[in-house]
Protein backbone atom coordinates (compact mmCIF):
# COMPACT_ATOMS: atom_id res chain seq x y z
CA UNK A 1 -0.51 -16.59 -16.74
CA UNK A 2 2.48 -16.37 -19.04
CA UNK A 3 5.76 -17.77 -17.77
CA UNK A 4 8.24 -14.95 -17.05
CA UNK A 5 11.59 -15.27 -18.84
CA UNK A 6 14.85 -13.63 -17.75
CA UNK A 7 15.69 -10.77 -20.09
CA UNK A 8 12.14 -10.49 -21.44
CA UNK A 9 10.87 -6.91 -21.72
CA UNK A 10 7.24 -5.84 -21.59
CA UNK A 11 6.18 -2.38 -22.80
CA UNK A 12 3.20 -0.11 -22.16
CA UNK A 13 2.58 3.43 -23.40
CA UNK A 14 0.11 5.94 -22.03
CA UNK A 15 -0.65 9.62 -22.34
CA UNK A 16 -2.25 11.03 -19.20
CA UNK A 17 -5.10 13.54 -19.54
CA UNK A 18 -6.17 16.43 -17.33
CA UNK A 19 -9.21 14.31 -16.40
CA UNK A 20 -6.91 11.46 -15.26
CA UNK A 21 -5.01 13.88 -13.02
CA UNK A 22 -8.21 15.39 -11.60
CA UNK A 23 -9.64 11.94 -10.81
CA UNK A 24 -6.40 10.89 -9.11
CA UNK A 25 -6.40 14.16 -7.14
CA UNK A 26 -9.98 13.52 -5.98
CA UNK A 27 -9.13 9.94 -5.00
CA UNK A 28 -5.86 10.66 -3.18
CA UNK A 29 -6.22 14.27 -2.01
CA UNK A 30 -3.05 15.20 -3.93
CA UNK A 31 -4.61 18.32 -5.39
CA UNK A 32 -1.71 20.75 -5.28
CA UNK A 33 -2.05 23.66 -7.73
CA UNK A 34 0.62 22.10 -10.00
CA UNK A 35 -1.83 19.24 -10.52
CA UNK A 36 -4.97 21.33 -10.89
CA UNK A 37 -4.02 24.64 -12.52
CA UNK A 38 -2.99 24.36 -16.19
CA UNK A 39 0.22 26.03 -17.37
CA UNK A 40 0.40 28.35 -20.38
CA UNK A 41 0.17 25.31 -22.68
CA UNK A 42 -2.94 23.94 -20.92
CA UNK A 43 -1.03 21.10 -19.27
CA UNK A 44 -0.90 20.05 -15.64
CA UNK A 45 1.82 18.07 -13.90
CA UNK A 46 0.91 14.41 -13.42
CA UNK A 47 1.22 13.18 -9.83
CA UNK A 48 4.27 10.97 -9.34
CA UNK A 49 2.25 8.08 -8.00
CA UNK A 50 -0.11 8.32 -10.97
CA UNK A 51 2.94 7.98 -13.23
CA UNK A 52 3.92 4.95 -11.11
CA UNK A 53 0.74 3.22 -12.24
CA UNK A 54 2.49 2.45 -15.54
CA UNK A 55 4.66 -0.36 -14.12
CA UNK A 56 1.64 -1.43 -12.05
CA UNK A 57 -0.29 -1.95 -15.30
CA UNK A 58 2.51 -4.11 -16.68
CA UNK A 59 2.50 -6.16 -13.47
CA UNK A 60 -1.26 -6.63 -13.67
CA UNK A 61 -0.96 -7.92 -17.24
CA UNK A 62 1.36 -10.66 -15.92
CA UNK A 63 -0.66 -11.36 -12.75
CA UNK A 64 2.19 -10.14 -10.55
CA UNK A 65 1.93 -9.98 -6.78
CA UNK A 66 4.60 -7.41 -5.97
CA UNK A 67 6.41 -7.54 -2.65
CA UNK A 68 8.71 -4.55 -3.19
CA UNK A 69 8.71 -1.57 -5.54
CA UNK A 70 11.57 0.90 -5.24
CA UNK A 71 10.69 3.90 -7.39
CA UNK A 72 12.81 6.90 -8.37
CA UNK A 73 11.23 9.94 -10.03
CA UNK A 74 13.67 11.71 -12.37
CA UNK A 75 11.65 14.47 -14.02
CA UNK A 76 8.05 15.66 -14.11
CA UNK A 77 5.44 14.26 -16.46
CA UNK A 78 2.76 16.50 -17.97
CA UNK A 79 -0.64 15.76 -19.44
CA UNK A 80 -0.58 15.22 -23.18
CA UNK A 81 2.94 13.77 -23.03
CA UNK A 82 3.26 10.13 -24.18
CA UNK A 83 5.18 8.01 -21.68
CA UNK A 84 6.60 4.59 -22.59
CA UNK A 85 7.30 2.18 -19.75
CA UNK A 86 9.51 -0.88 -20.16
CA UNK A 87 9.87 -3.60 -17.56
CA UNK A 88 12.58 -6.24 -17.98
CA UNK A 89 12.81 -9.41 -15.91
CA UNK A 90 16.28 -9.27 -14.39
CA UNK A 91 16.04 -12.56 -12.49
CA UNK A 92 13.46 -15.35 -12.54
CA UNK A 93 13.52 -18.31 -10.14
CA UNK A 94 11.05 -21.12 -10.70
CA UNK A 95 9.47 -22.76 -7.64
CA UNK A 96 6.90 -25.57 -7.50
CA UNK A 97 3.89 -23.22 -7.37
CA UNK A 98 5.25 -19.85 -8.49
CA UNK A 99 7.96 -17.79 -10.12
CA UNK A 100 9.95 -15.33 -8.02
CA UNK A 101 11.41 -12.42 -9.95
CA UNK A 102 13.07 -9.05 -9.95
CA UNK A 103 12.51 -6.59 -12.75
CA UNK A 104 14.02 -3.29 -13.80
CA UNK A 105 11.64 -0.59 -14.98
CA UNK A 106 12.39 2.47 -17.10
CA UNK A 107 9.75 5.00 -18.17
CA UNK A 108 10.64 7.63 -20.76
CA UNK A 109 8.92 10.57 -22.41
CA UNK A 110 8.73 11.02 -26.19
CA UNK A 111 12.13 12.79 -26.16
CA UNK A 112 13.75 9.70 -24.62
CA UNK A 113 14.21 11.40 -21.26
CA UNK A 114 13.91 9.07 -18.28
CA UNK A 115 11.04 10.15 -16.03
CA UNK A 116 10.86 7.14 -13.68
CA UNK A 117 12.95 4.09 -12.83
CA UNK A 118 12.07 1.27 -10.50
CA UNK A 119 13.13 -2.12 -9.26
CA UNK A 120 10.32 -4.54 -8.53
CA UNK A 121 10.41 -7.86 -6.68
CA UNK A 122 7.49 -10.23 -6.54
CA UNK A 123 5.91 -13.51 -7.49
CA UNK A 124 3.73 -14.87 -10.26
CA UNK A 125 1.64 -17.88 -9.24
CA UNK A 126 1.62 -20.82 -11.63
CA UNK A 127 -1.71 -21.89 -13.04
CA UNK A 128 -3.34 -24.63 -11.00
């Protein structure tokens, strides 16, 4: 566990594949044609909740136990499109056994267009 610091930003980039979208569709049942039938460029639209796994990955890296995630989807994401997700600790309160925090999340495509924003609240347990 790494101590969270107010103002610290963590970053993760991922490019979703058609296989990722198909696996998520099989797992969740979200298999609408927009997620299964490629467009003229061979891309499919990534499910919103699959896109929302980007901040989840950042949380996992920090051993976060989230209590609230408020997510806004701003524009679609397509396979083959690199997405960069940044999560910044807005507030951090240290307790005896844990850190309580809020973080602001912004995910952007390669053109700098915001595709997802979120506010996360949660805790990070201190090492025993």
